Amino acid sequence: MFIVFWAKEFDKILSFTIFLDCFGMALSAGSIFYFRKKTKHLNNKDIYSMKLYPLLPIIFIAAYTFVGISIALDYEKNDYAALTGLGVLAFFMVLYFIFYRNIKKETL
């Protein structure tokens, strides 16, 4: 709700949303490399494989990074949508880790 009142224009809300989507999608695609390394022992059996494996995720990540950087560099038009997005992301990450730690302590 804060973002809707802060932005007041569709372009600014869209820039904010797209920036956060770029951040999340690039990190999600990057997790492919982590899981591939973790399951390296399954090499070519019981694991999905794709042609041009390291190239396609890198292109995907590069495209989203380019869009995110272009939104961040256009800060005057978008009223610092990227900085606001990072602030909101940081706030919710802090909340997540506070609640995650409390839930973890309660289950022990």
PDB file of N, CA and C in Angstrom:
ATOM      1  N   MET A   1       0.825  -1.194   0.000  1.00  0.00           N
ATOM      2  CA  MET A   1       0.000   0.000   0.000  1.00  0.00           C
ATOM      3  C   MET A   1       0.868   1.255   0.000  1.00  0.00           C
ATOM      4  N   PHE A   2       1.992   1.196   0.717  1.00  0.00           N
ATOM      5  CA  PHE A   2       2.890   2.351   0.772  1.00  0.00           C
ATOM      6  C   PHE A   2       3.362   2.743  -0.627  1.00  0.00           C
ATOM      7  N   ILE A   3       3.676   1.772  -1.446  1.00  0.00           N
ATOM      8  CA  ILE A   3       4.199   2.042  -2.778  1.00  0.00           C
ATOM      9  C   ILE A   3       3.150   2.717  -3.648  1.00  0.00           C
ATOM     10  N   VAL A   4       1.903   2.317  -3.528  1.00  0.00           N
ATOM     11  CA  VAL A   4       0.841   2.932  -4.330  1.00  0.00           C
ATOM     12  C   VAL A   4       0.688   4.401  -3.951  1.00  0.00           C
ATOM     13  N   PHE A   5       0.750   4.728  -2.681  1.00  0.00           N
ATOM     14  CA  PHE A   5       0.634   6.122  -2.261  1.00  0.00           C
ATOM     15  C   PHE A   5       1.899   6.915  -2.589  1.00  0.00           C
ATOM     16  N   TRP A   6       3.043   6.247  -2.549  1.00  0.00           N
ATOM     17  CA  TRP A   6       4.309   6.923  -2.857  1.00  0.00           C
ATOM     18  C   TRP A   6       4.417   7.250  -4.337  1.00  0.00           C
ATOM     19  N   ALA A   7       4.074   6.318  -5.189  1.00  0.00           N
ATOM     20  CA  ALA A   7       4.302   6.481  -6.617  1.00  0.00           C
ATOM     21  C   ALA A   7       3.246   7.369  -7.273  1.00  0.00           C
ATOM     22  N   LYS A   8       1.988   7.084  -7.071  1.00  0.00           N
ATOM     23  CA  LYS A   8       0.867   7.848  -7.592  1.00  0.00           C
ATOM     24  C   LYS A   8       0.752   7.845  -9.110  1.00  0.00           C
ATOM     25  N   GLU A   9       1.709   7.297  -9.799  1.00  0.00           N
ATOM     26  CA  GLU A   9       1.634   7.193 -11.254  1.00  0.00           C
ATOM     27  C   GLU A   9       1.938   5.760 -11.654  1.00  0.00           C
ATOM     28  N   PHE A  10       1.267   5.322 -12.700  1.00  0.00           N
ATOM     29  CA  PHE A  10       1.407   3.942 -13.129  1.00  0.00           C
ATOM     30  C   PHE A  10       2.838   3.616 -13.540  1.00  0.00           C
ATOM     31  N   ASP A  11       3.518   4.530 -14.236  1.00  0.00           N
ATOM     32  CA  ASP A  11       4.893   4.283 -14.685  1.00  0.00           C
ATOM     33  C   ASP A  11       5.841   4.051 -13.514  1.00  0.00           C
ATOM     34  N   LYS A  12       5.652   4.787 -12.447  1.00  0.00           N
ATOM     35  CA  LYS A  12       6.536   4.635 -11.289  1.00  0.00           C
ATOM     36  C   LYS A  12       6.277   3.312 -10.556  1.00  0.00           C
ATOM     37  N   ILE A  13       5.012   2.947 -10.450  1.00  0.00           N
ATOM     38  CA  ILE A  13       4.678   1.667  -9.828  1.00  0.00           C
ATOM     39  C   ILE A  13       5.217   0.524 -10.676  1.00  0.00           C
ATOM     40  N   LEU A  14       5.079   0.655 -11.982  1.00  0.00           N
ATOM     41  CA  LEU A  14       5.575  -0.373 -12.888  1.00  0.00           C
ATOM     42  C   LEU A  14       7.095  -0.495 -12.815  1.00  0.00           C
ATOM     43  N   SER A  15       7.802   0.626 -12.769  1.00  0.00           N
ATOM     44  CA  SER A  15       9.269   0.590 -12.664  1.00  0.00           C
ATOM     45  C   SER A  15       9.707  -0.086 -11.371  1.00  0.00           C
ATOM     46  N   PHE A  16       9.044   0.241 -10.288  1.00  0.00           N
ATOM     47  CA  PHE A  16       9.352  -0.372  -8.999  1.00  0.00           C
ATOM     48  C   PHE A  16       9.139  -1.880  -9.050  1.00  0.00           C
ATOM     49  N   THR A  17       8.012  -2.288  -9.596  1.00  0.00           N
ATOM     50  CA  THR A  17       7.676  -3.714  -9.671  1.00  0.00           C
ATOM     51  C   THR A  17       8.635  -4.463 -10.588  1.00  0.00           C
ATOM     52  N   ILE A  18       8.929  -3.883 -11.730  1.00  0.00           N
ATOM     53  CA  ILE A  18       9.835  -4.546 -12.671  1.00  0.00           C
ATOM     54  C   ILE A  18      11.230  -4.657 -12.070  1.00  0.00           C
ATOM     55  N   PHE A  19      11.685  -3.639 -11.344  1.00  0.00           N
ATOM     56  CA  PHE A  19      13.003  -3.712 -10.722  1.00  0.00           C
ATOM     57  C   PHE A  19      13.071  -4.865  -9.734  1.00  0.00           C
ATOM     58  N   LEU A  20      12.059  -4.997  -8.884  1.00  0.00           N
ATOM     59  CA  LEU A  20      12.061  -6.101  -7.927  1.00  0.00           C
ATOM     60  C   LEU A  20      11.939  -7.448  -8.627  1.00  0.00           C
ATOM     61  N   ASP A  21      11.167  -7.496  -9.705  1.00  0.00           N
ATOM     62  CA  ASP A  21      11.071  -8.741 -10.473  1.00  0.00           C
ATOM     63  C   ASP A  21      12.415  -9.111 -11.094  1.00  0.00           C
ATOM     64  N   CYS A  22      13.130  -8.118 -11.613  1.00  0.00           N
ATOM     65  CA  CYS A  22      14.452  -8.384 -12.200  1.00  0.00           C
ATOM     66  C   CYS A  22      15.397  -8.946 -11.150  1.00  0.00           C
ATOM     67  N   PHE A  23      15.375  -8.368  -9.989  1.00  0.00           N
ATOM     68  CA  PHE A  23      16.223  -8.817  -8.893  1.00  0.00           C
ATOM     69  C   PHE A  23      15.898 -10.263  -8.530  1.00  0.00           C
ATOM     70  N   GLY A  24      14.620 -10.553  -8.360  1.00  0.00           N
ATOM     71  CA  GLY A  24      14.208 -11.904  -7.979  1.00  0.00           C
ATOM     72  C   GLY A  24      14.448 -12.935  -9.064  1.00  0.00           C
ATOM     73  N   MET A  25      14.163 -12.587 -10.307  1.00  0.00           N
ATOM     74  CA  MET A  25      14.339 -13.541 -11.402  1.00  0.00           C
ATOM     75  C   MET A  25      15.813 -13.847 -11.651  1.00  0.00           C
ATOM     76  N   ALA A  26      16.673 -12.840 -11.553  1.00  0.00           N
ATOM     77  CA  ALA A  26      18.108 -13.086 -11.740  1.00  0.00           C
ATOM     78  C   ALA A  26      18.646 -13.986 -10.630  1.00  0.00           C
ATOM     79  N   LEU A  27      18.211 -13.765  -9.403  1.00  0.00           N
ATOM     80  CA  LEU A  27      18.647 -14.636  -8.308  1.00  0.00           C
ATOM     81  C   LEU A  27      18.076 -16.047  -8.449  1.00  0.00           C
ATOM     82  N   SER A  28      16.848 -16.145  -8.911  1.00  0.00           N
ATOM     83  CA  SER A  28      16.254 -17.470  -9.123  1.00  0.00           C
ATOM     84  C   SER A  28      17.007 -18.238 -10.198  1.00  0.00           C
ATOM     85  N   ALA A  29      17.335 -17.567 -11.278  1.00  0.00           N
ATOM     86  CA  ALA A  29      18.093 -18.228 -12.343  1.00  0.00           C
ATOM     87  C   ALA A  29      19.492 -18.580 -11.873  1.00  0.00           C
ATOM     88  N   GLY A  30      20.064 -17.757 -11.032  1.00  0.00           N
ATOM     89  CA  GLY A  30      21.389 -18.045 -10.490  1.00  0.00           C
ATOM     90  C   GLY A  30      21.402 -19.268  -9.589  1.00  0.00           C
ATOM     91  N   SER A  31      20.248 -19.588  -9.008  1.00  0.00           N
ATOM     92  CA  SER A  31      20.181 -20.767  -8.142  1.00  0.00           C
ATOM     93  C   SER A  31      20.370 -22.062  -8.933  1.00  0.00           C
ATOM     94  N   ILE A  32      20.178 -21.999 -10.251  1.00  0.00           N
ATOM     95  CA  ILE A  32      20.411 -23.172 -11.093  1.00  0.00           C
ATOM     96  C   ILE A  32      21.857 -23.637 -10.943  1.00  0.00           C
ATOM     97  N   PHE A  33      22.779 -22.692 -10.906  1.00  0.00           N
ATOM     98  CA  PHE A  33      24.193 -23.045 -10.778  1.00  0.00           C
ATOM     99  C   PHE A  33      24.480 -23.703  -9.427  1.00  0.00           C
ATOM    100  N   TYR A  34      23.836 -23.201  -8.381  1.00  0.00           N
ATOM    101  CA  TYR A  34      24.018 -23.783  -7.051  1.00  0.00           C
ATOM    102  C   TYR A  34      23.515 -25.226  -7.015  1.00  0.00           C
ATOM    103  N   PHE A  35      22.315 -25.448  -7.527  1.00  0.00           N
ATOM    104  CA  PHE A  35      21.746 -26.795  -7.479  1.00  0.00           C
ATOM    105  C   PHE A  35      22.466 -27.754  -8.417  1.00  0.00           C
ATOM    106  N   ARG A  36      22.968 -27.259  -9.532  1.00  0.00           N
ATOM    107  CA  ARG A  36      23.754 -28.122 -10.420  1.00  0.00           C
ATOM    108  C   ARG A  36      25.030 -28.589  -9.723  1.00  0.00           C
ATOM    109  N   LYS A  37      25.666 -27.674  -9.014  1.00  0.00           N
ATOM    110  CA  LYS A  37      26.892 -28.041  -8.303  1.00  0.00           C
ATOM    111  C   LYS A  37      26.591 -29.022  -7.165  1.00  0.00           C
ATOM    112  N   LYS A  38      25.461 -28.794  -6.509  1.00  0.00           N
ATOM    113  CA  LYS A  38      25.091 -29.648  -5.388  1.00  0.00           C
ATOM    114  C   LYS A  38      24.729 -31.065  -5.840  1.00  0.00           C
ATOM    115  N   THR A  39      24.191 -31.212  -7.038  1.00  0.00           N
ATOM    116  CA  THR A  39      23.782 -32.524  -7.540  1.00  0.00           C
ATOM    117  C   THR A  39      24.732 -33.038  -8.618  1.00  0.00           C
ATOM    118  N   LYS A  40      25.955 -32.605  -8.566  1.00  0.00           N
ATOM    119  CA  LYS A  40      26.941 -33.012  -9.564  1.00  0.00           C
ATOM    120  C   LYS A  40      27.159 -34.531  -9.569  1.00  0.00           C
ATOM    121  N   HIS A  41      26.990 -35.176  -8.432  1.00  0.00           N
ATOM    122  CA  HIS A  41      27.212 -36.619  -8.342  1.00  0.00           C
ATOM    123  C   HIS A  41      26.165 -37.424  -9.132  1.00  0.00           C
ATOM    124  N   LEU A  42      25.041 -36.809  -9.512  1.00  0.00           N
ATOM    125  CA  LEU A  42      24.006 -37.497 -10.289  1.00  0.00           C
ATOM    126  C   LEU A  42      24.273 -37.435 -11.794  1.00  0.00           C
ATOM    127  N   ASN A  43      25.326 -36.849 -12.177  1.00  0.00           N
ATOM    128  CA  ASN A  43      25.729 -36.582 -13.558  1.00  0.00           C
ATOM    129  C   ASN A  43      25.059 -37.485 -14.599  1.00  0.00           C
ATOM    130  N   ASN A  44      24.135 -36.928 -15.356  1.00  0.00           N
ATOM    131  CA  ASN A  44      23.426 -37.544 -16.488  1.00  0.00           C
ATOM    132  C   ASN A  44      22.499 -38.701 -16.133  1.00  0.00           C
ATOM    133  N   LYS A  45      22.199 -38.911 -14.896  1.00  0.00           N
ATOM    134  CA  LYS A  45      21.177 -39.897 -14.546  1.00  0.00           C
ATOM    135  C   LYS A  45      20.257 -39.276 -13.497  1.00  0.00           C
ATOM    136  N   ASP A  46      18.992 -39.414 -13.684  1.00  0.00           N
ATOM    137  CA  ASP A  46      17.984 -38.865 -12.771  1.00  0.00           C
ATOM    138  C   ASP A  46      18.083 -37.355 -12.593  1.00  0.00           C
ATOM    139  N   ILE A  47      18.580 -36.660 -13.578  1.00  0.00           N
ATOM    140  CA  ILE A  47      18.664 -35.203 -13.481  1.00  0.00           C
ATOM    141  C   ILE A  47      18.324 -34.613 -14.841  1.00  0.00           C
ATOM    142  N   TYR A  48      17.628 -33.522 -14.816  1.00  0.00           N
ATOM    143  CA  TYR A  48      17.246 -32.860 -16.060  1.00  0.00           C
ATOM    144  C   TYR A  48      18.468 -32.158 -16.649  1.00  0.00           C
ATOM    145  N   SER A  49      18.656 -32.292 -17.943  1.00  0.00           N
ATOM    146  CA  SER A  49      19.752 -31.583 -18.600  1.00  0.00           C
ATOM    147  C   SER A  49      19.196 -30.824 -19.797  1.00  0.00           C
ATOM    148  N   MET A  50      19.881 -29.777 -20.193  1.00  0.00           N
ATOM    149  CA  MET A  50      19.440 -28.972 -21.323  1.00  0.00           C
ATOM    150  C   MET A  50      20.628 -28.618 -22.203  1.00  0.00           C
ATOM    151  N   LYS A  51      20.336 -28.371 -23.456  1.00  0.00           N
ATOM    152  CA  LYS A  51      21.388 -27.985 -24.377  1.00  0.00           C
ATOM    153  C   LYS A  51      21.871 -26.586 -24.033  1.00  0.00           C
ATOM    154  N   LEU A  52      23.117 -26.333 -24.280  1.00  0.00           N
ATOM    155  CA  LEU A  52      23.742 -25.019 -24.010  1.00  0.00           C
ATOM    156  C   LEU A  52      23.558 -24.605 -22.556  1.00  0.00           C
ATOM    157  N   TYR A  53      23.764 -25.556 -21.632  1.00  0.00           N
ATOM    158  CA  TYR A  53      23.452 -25.326 -20.217  1.00  0.00           C
ATOM    159  C   TYR A  53      24.044 -24.057 -19.623  1.00  0.00           C
ATOM    160  N   PRO A  54      25.311 -23.833 -19.614  1.00  0.00           N
ATOM    161  CA  PRO A  54      25.711 -22.634 -18.873  1.00  0.00           C
ATOM    162  C   PRO A  54      25.398 -21.349 -19.636  1.00  0.00           C
ATOM    163  N   LEU A  55      25.264 -21.426 -20.943  1.00  0.00           N
ATOM    164  CA  LEU A  55      25.064 -20.213 -21.731  1.00  0.00           C
ATOM    165  C   LEU A  55      23.659 -19.630 -21.563  1.00  0.00           C
ATOM    166  N   LEU A  56      22.634 -20.449 -21.615  1.00  0.00           N
ATOM    167  CA  LEU A  56      21.263 -19.938 -21.550  1.00  0.00           C
ATOM    168  C   LEU A  56      20.925 -19.260 -20.219  1.00  0.00           C
ATOM    169  N   PRO A  57      21.263 -19.845 -19.070  1.00  0.00           N
ATOM    170  CA  PRO A  57      20.996 -19.120 -17.823  1.00  0.00           C
ATOM    171  C   PRO A  57      21.800 -17.822 -17.707  1.00  0.00           C
ATOM    172  N   ILE A  58      23.008 -17.808 -18.262  1.00  0.00           N
ATOM    173  CA  ILE A  58      23.811 -16.588 -18.208  1.00  0.00           C
ATOM    174  C   ILE A  58      23.170 -15.487 -19.054  1.00  0.00           C
ATOM    175  N   ILE A  59      22.650 -15.847 -20.224  1.00  0.00           N
ATOM    176  CA  ILE A  59      21.959 -14.860 -21.062  1.00  0.00           C
ATOM    177  C   ILE A  59      20.709 -14.342 -20.349  1.00  0.00           C
ATOM    178  N   PHE A  60      19.965 -15.238 -19.715  1.00  0.00           N
ATOM    179  CA  PHE A  60      18.763 -14.858 -18.974  1.00  0.00           C
ATOM    180  C   PHE A  60      19.101 -13.885 -17.843  1.00  0.00           C
ATOM    181  N   ILE A  61      20.129 -14.215 -17.086  1.00  0.00           N
ATOM    182  CA  ILE A  61      20.552 -13.354 -15.976  1.00  0.00           C
ATOM    183  C   ILE A  61      21.043 -12.008 -16.498  1.00  0.00           C
ATOM    184  N   ALA A  62      21.803 -12.025 -17.589  1.00  0.00           N
ATOM    185  CA  ALA A  62      22.310 -10.779 -18.162  1.00  0.00           C
ATOM    186  C   ALA A  62      21.180  -9.881 -18.646  1.00  0.00           C
ATOM    187  N   ALA A  63      20.155 -10.454 -19.244  1.00  0.00           N
ATOM    188  CA  ALA A  63      19.025  -9.658 -19.721  1.00  0.00           C
ATOM    189  C   ALA A  63      18.294  -8.989 -18.563  1.00  0.00           C
ATOM    190  N   TYR A  64      18.024  -9.737 -17.512  1.00  0.00           N
ATOM    191  CA  TYR A  64      17.351  -9.150 -16.351  1.00  0.00           C
ATOM    192  C   TYR A  64      18.239  -8.135 -15.636  1.00  0.00           C
ATOM    193  N   THR A  65      19.531  -8.385 -15.603  1.00  0.00           N
ATOM    194  CA  THR A  65      20.451  -7.422 -14.992  1.00  0.00           C
ATOM    195  C   THR A  65      20.466  -6.121 -15.790  1.00  0.00           C
ATOM    196  N   PHE A  66      20.456  -6.234 -17.113  1.00  0.00           N
ATOM    197  CA  PHE A  66      20.426  -5.042 -17.956  1.00  0.00           C
ATOM    198  C   PHE A  66      19.165  -4.213 -17.698  1.00  0.00           C
ATOM    199  N   VAL A  67      18.014  -4.865 -17.615  1.00  0.00           N
ATOM    200  CA  VAL A  67      16.767  -4.144 -17.358  1.00  0.00           C
ATOM    201  C   VAL A  67      16.799  -3.490 -15.976  1.00  0.00           C
ATOM    202  N   GLY A  68      17.275  -4.216 -14.975  1.00  0.00           N
ATOM    203  CA  GLY A  68      17.359  -3.655 -13.627  1.00  0.00           C
ATOM    204  C   GLY A  68      18.302  -2.460 -13.552  1.00  0.00           C
ATOM    205  N   ILE A  69      19.435  -2.556 -14.235  1.00  0.00           N
ATOM    206  CA  ILE A  69      20.390  -1.439 -14.238  1.00  0.00           C
ATOM    207  C   ILE A  69      19.810  -0.242 -14.975  1.00  0.00           C
ATOM    208  N   SER A  70      19.095  -0.490 -16.066  1.00  0.00           N
ATOM    209  CA  SER A  70      18.514   0.633 -16.800  1.00  0.00           C
ATOM    210  C   SER A  70      17.445   1.343 -15.973  1.00  0.00           C
ATOM    211  N   ILE A  71      16.694   0.600 -15.173  1.00  0.00           N
ATOM    212  CA  ILE A  71      15.721   1.241 -14.277  1.00  0.00           C
ATOM    213  C   ILE A  71      16.453   2.020 -13.191  1.00  0.00           C
ATOM    214  N   ALA A  72      17.526   1.460 -12.662  1.00  0.00           N
ATOM    215  CA  ALA A  72      18.277   2.142 -11.607  1.00  0.00           C
ATOM    216  C   ALA A  72      18.932   3.419 -12.126  1.00  0.00           C
ATOM    217  N   LEU A  73      19.408   3.409 -13.361  1.00  0.00           N
ATOM    218  CA  LEU A  73      20.058   4.606 -13.918  1.00  0.00           C
ATOM    219  C   LEU A  73      19.062   5.680 -14.315  1.00  0.00           C
ATOM    220  N   ASP A  74      17.821   5.322 -14.489  1.00  0.00           N
ATOM    221  CA  ASP A  74      16.785   6.297 -14.841  1.00  0.00           C
ATOM    222  C   ASP A  74      16.083   6.790 -13.573  1.00  0.00           C
ATOM    223  N   TYR A  75      16.879   7.122 -12.569  1.00  0.00           N
ATOM    224  CA  TYR A  75      16.340   7.428 -11.247  1.00  0.00           C
ATOM    225  C   TYR A  75      15.546   8.722 -11.203  1.00  0.00           C
ATOM    226  N   GLU A  76      15.876   9.716 -12.022  1.00  0.00           N
ATOM    227  CA  GLU A  76      15.146  10.985 -11.958  1.00  0.00           C
ATOM    228  C   GLU A  76      13.722  10.833 -12.476  1.00  0.00           C
ATOM    229  N   LYS A  77      13.550  10.047 -13.527  1.00  0.00           N
ATOM    230  CA  LYS A  77      12.207   9.846 -14.085  1.00  0.00           C
ATOM    231  C   LYS A  77      11.353   8.976 -13.173  1.00  0.00           C
ATOM    232  N   ASN A  78      11.955   8.006 -12.523  1.00  0.00           N
ATOM    233  CA  ASN A  78      11.207   7.035 -11.731  1.00  0.00           C
ATOM    234  C   ASN A  78      11.208   7.327 -10.237  1.00  0.00           C
ATOM    235  N   ASP A  79      11.669   8.494  -9.844  1.00  0.00           N
ATOM    236  CA  ASP A  79      11.711   8.860  -8.417  1.00  0.00           C
ATOM    237  C   ASP A  79      12.395   7.791  -7.569  1.00  0.00           C
ATOM    238  N   TYR A  80      13.560   7.384  -8.007  1.00  0.00           N
ATOM    239  CA  TYR A  80      14.377   6.434  -7.262  1.00  0.00           C
ATOM    240  C   TYR A  80      13.648   5.121  -6.992  1.00  0.00           C
ATOM    241  N   ALA A  81      13.029   4.571  -8.025  1.00  0.00           N
ATOM    242  CA  ALA A  81      12.288   3.305  -7.885  1.00  0.00           C
ATOM    243  C   ALA A  81      13.211   2.177  -7.453  1.00  0.00           C
ATOM    244  N   ALA A  82      14.441   2.166  -7.968  1.00  0.00           N
ATOM    245  CA  ALA A  82      15.370   1.095  -7.614  1.00  0.00           C
ATOM    246  C   ALA A  82      15.784   1.194  -6.144  1.00  0.00           C
ATOM    247  N   LEU A  83      16.065   2.391  -5.682  1.00  0.00           N
ATOM    248  CA  LEU A  83      16.437   2.547  -4.264  1.00  0.00           C
ATOM    249  C   LEU A  83      15.275   2.208  -3.349  1.00  0.00           C
ATOM    250  N   THR A  84      14.087   2.614  -3.736  1.00  0.00           N
ATOM    251  CA  THR A  84      12.909   2.264  -2.946  1.00  0.00           C
ATOM    252  C   THR A  84      12.698   0.757  -2.945  1.00  0.00           C
ATOM    253  N   GLY A  85      12.890   0.128  -4.106  1.00  0.00           N
ATOM    254  CA  GLY A  85      12.766  -1.323  -4.195  1.00  0.00           C
ATOM    255  C   GLY A  85      13.768  -2.040  -3.308  1.00  0.00           C
ATOM    256  N   LEU A  86      15.011  -1.564  -3.315  1.00  0.00           N
ATOM    257  CA  LEU A  86      16.023  -2.181  -2.451  1.00  0.00           C
ATOM    258  C   LEU A  86      15.709  -1.963  -0.980  1.00  0.00           C
ATOM    259  N   GLY A  87      15.159  -0.787  -0.663  1.00  0.00           N
ATOM    260  CA  GLY A  87      14.768  -0.520   0.720  1.00  0.00           C
ATOM    261  C   GLY A  87      13.646  -1.424   1.193  1.00  0.00           C
ATOM    262  N   VAL A  88      12.641  -1.595   0.344  1.00  0.00           N
ATOM    263  CA  VAL A  88      11.524  -2.485   0.684  1.00  0.00           C
ATOM    264  C   VAL A  88      12.011  -3.923   0.797  1.00  0.00           C
ATOM    265  N   LEU A  89      12.872  -4.332  -0.129  1.00  0.00           N
ATOM    266  CA  LEU A  89      13.434  -5.681  -0.087  1.00  0.00           C
ATOM    267  C   LEU A  89      14.234  -5.903   1.197  1.00  0.00           C
ATOM    268  N   ALA A  90      15.064  -4.942   1.553  1.00  0.00           N
ATOM    269  CA  ALA A  90      15.860  -5.061   2.779  1.00  0.00           C
ATOM    270  C   ALA A  90      14.964  -5.128   4.015  1.00  0.00           C
ATOM    271  N   PHE A  91      13.921  -4.314   4.043  1.00  0.00           N
ATOM    272  CA  PHE A  91      12.993  -4.315   5.176  1.00  0.00           C
ATOM    273  C   PHE A  91      12.351  -5.688   5.354  1.00  0.00           C
ATOM    274  N   PHE A  92      11.856  -6.262   4.258  1.00  0.00           N
ATOM    275  CA  PHE A  92      11.194  -7.556   4.371  1.00  0.00           C
ATOM    276  C   PHE A  92      12.175  -8.694   4.615  1.00  0.00           C
ATOM    277  N   MET A  93      13.416  -8.554   4.163  1.00  0.00           N
ATOM    278  CA  MET A  93      14.416  -9.563   4.488  1.00  0.00           C
ATOM    279  C   MET A  93      14.734  -9.544   5.980  1.00  0.00           C
ATOM    280  N   VAL A  94      14.833  -8.361   6.552  1.00  0.00           N
ATOM    281  CA  VAL A  94      15.065  -8.244   7.995  1.00  0.00           C
ATOM    282  C   VAL A  94      13.899  -8.863   8.759  1.00  0.00           C
ATOM    283  N   LEU A  95      12.664  -8.556   8.338  1.00  0.00           N
ATOM    284  CA  LEU A  95      11.502  -9.162   8.990  1.00  0.00           C
ATOM    285  C   LEU A  95      11.524 -10.681   8.877  1.00  0.00           C
ATOM    286  N   TYR A  96      11.877 -11.175   7.696  1.00  0.00           N
ATOM    287  CA  TYR A  96      11.939 -12.624   7.490  1.00  0.00           C
ATOM    288  C   TYR A  96      12.926 -13.277   8.448  1.00  0.00           C
ATOM    289  N   PHE A  97      14.125 -12.712   8.536  1.00  0.00           N
ATOM    290  CA  PHE A  97      15.126 -13.338   9.393  1.00  0.00           C
ATOM    291  C   PHE A  97      14.796 -13.200  10.876  1.00  0.00           C
ATOM    292  N   ILE A  98      14.120 -12.143  11.256  1.00  0.00           N
ATOM    293  CA  ILE A  98      13.688 -12.016  12.649  1.00  0.00           C
ATOM    294  C   ILE A  98      12.663 -13.102  12.975  1.00  0.00           C
ATOM    295  N   PHE A  99      11.655 -13.244  12.117  1.00  0.00           N
ATOM    296  CA  PHE A  99      10.634 -14.260  12.364  1.00  0.00           C
ATOM    297  C   PHE A  99      11.169 -15.664  12.176  1.00  0.00           C
ATOM    298  N   TYR A 100      12.075 -15.852  11.219  1.00  0.00           N
ATOM    299  CA  TYR A 100      12.662 -17.176  10.998  1.00  0.00           C
ATOM    300  C   TYR A 100      13.448 -17.620  12.218  1.00  0.00           C
ATOM    301  N   ARG A 101      14.209 -16.707  12.805  1.00  0.00           N
ATOM    302  CA  ARG A 101      14.984 -17.045  14.000  1.00  0.00           C
ATOM    303  C   ARG A 101      14.054 -17.370  15.160  1.00  0.00           C
ATOM    304  N   ASN A 102      12.964 -16.608  15.330  1.00  0.00           N
ATOM    305  CA  ASN A 102      12.024 -16.878  16.410  1.00  0.00           C
ATOM    306  C   ASN A 102      11.327 -18.217  16.210  1.00  0.00           C
ATOM    307  N   ILE A 103      10.943 -18.537  14.989  1.00  0.00           N
ATOM    308  CA  ILE A 103      10.287 -19.816  14.717  1.00  0.00           C
ATOM    309  C   ILE A 103      11.258 -20.956  14.943  1.00  0.00           C
ATOM    310  N   LYS A 104      12.512 -20.778  14.542  1.00  0.00           N
ATOM    311  CA  LYS A 104      13.510 -21.810  14.720  1.00  0.00           C
ATOM    312  C   LYS A 104      13.770 -22.078  16.204  1.00  0.00           C
ATOM    313  N   LYS A 105      13.811 -21.023  17.024  1.00  0.00           N
ATOM    314  CA  LYS A 105      14.024 -21.201  18.458  1.00  0.00           C
ATOM    315  C   LYS A 105      12.845 -21.938  19.098  1.00  0.00           C
ATOM    316  N   GLU A 106      11.607 -21.630  18.629  1.00  0.00           N
ATOM    317  CA  GLU A 106      10.430 -22.265  19.212  1.00  0.00           C
ATOM    318  C   GLU A 106      10.354 -23.745  18.880  1.00  0.00           C
ATOM    319  N   THR A 107      10.846 -24.140  17.710  1.00  0.00           N
ATOM    320  CA  THR A 107      10.770 -25.547  17.318  1.00  0.00           C
ATOM    321  C   THR A 107      11.852 -26.389  17.997  1.00  0.00           C
ATOM    322  N   LEU A 108      12.902 -25.748  18.495  1.00  0.00           N
ATOM    323  CA  LEU A 108      13.965 -26.485  19.190  1.00  0.00           C
ATOM    324  C   LEU A 108      13.536 -26.726  20.594  1.00  0.00           C
TER     325      LEU A 108
END
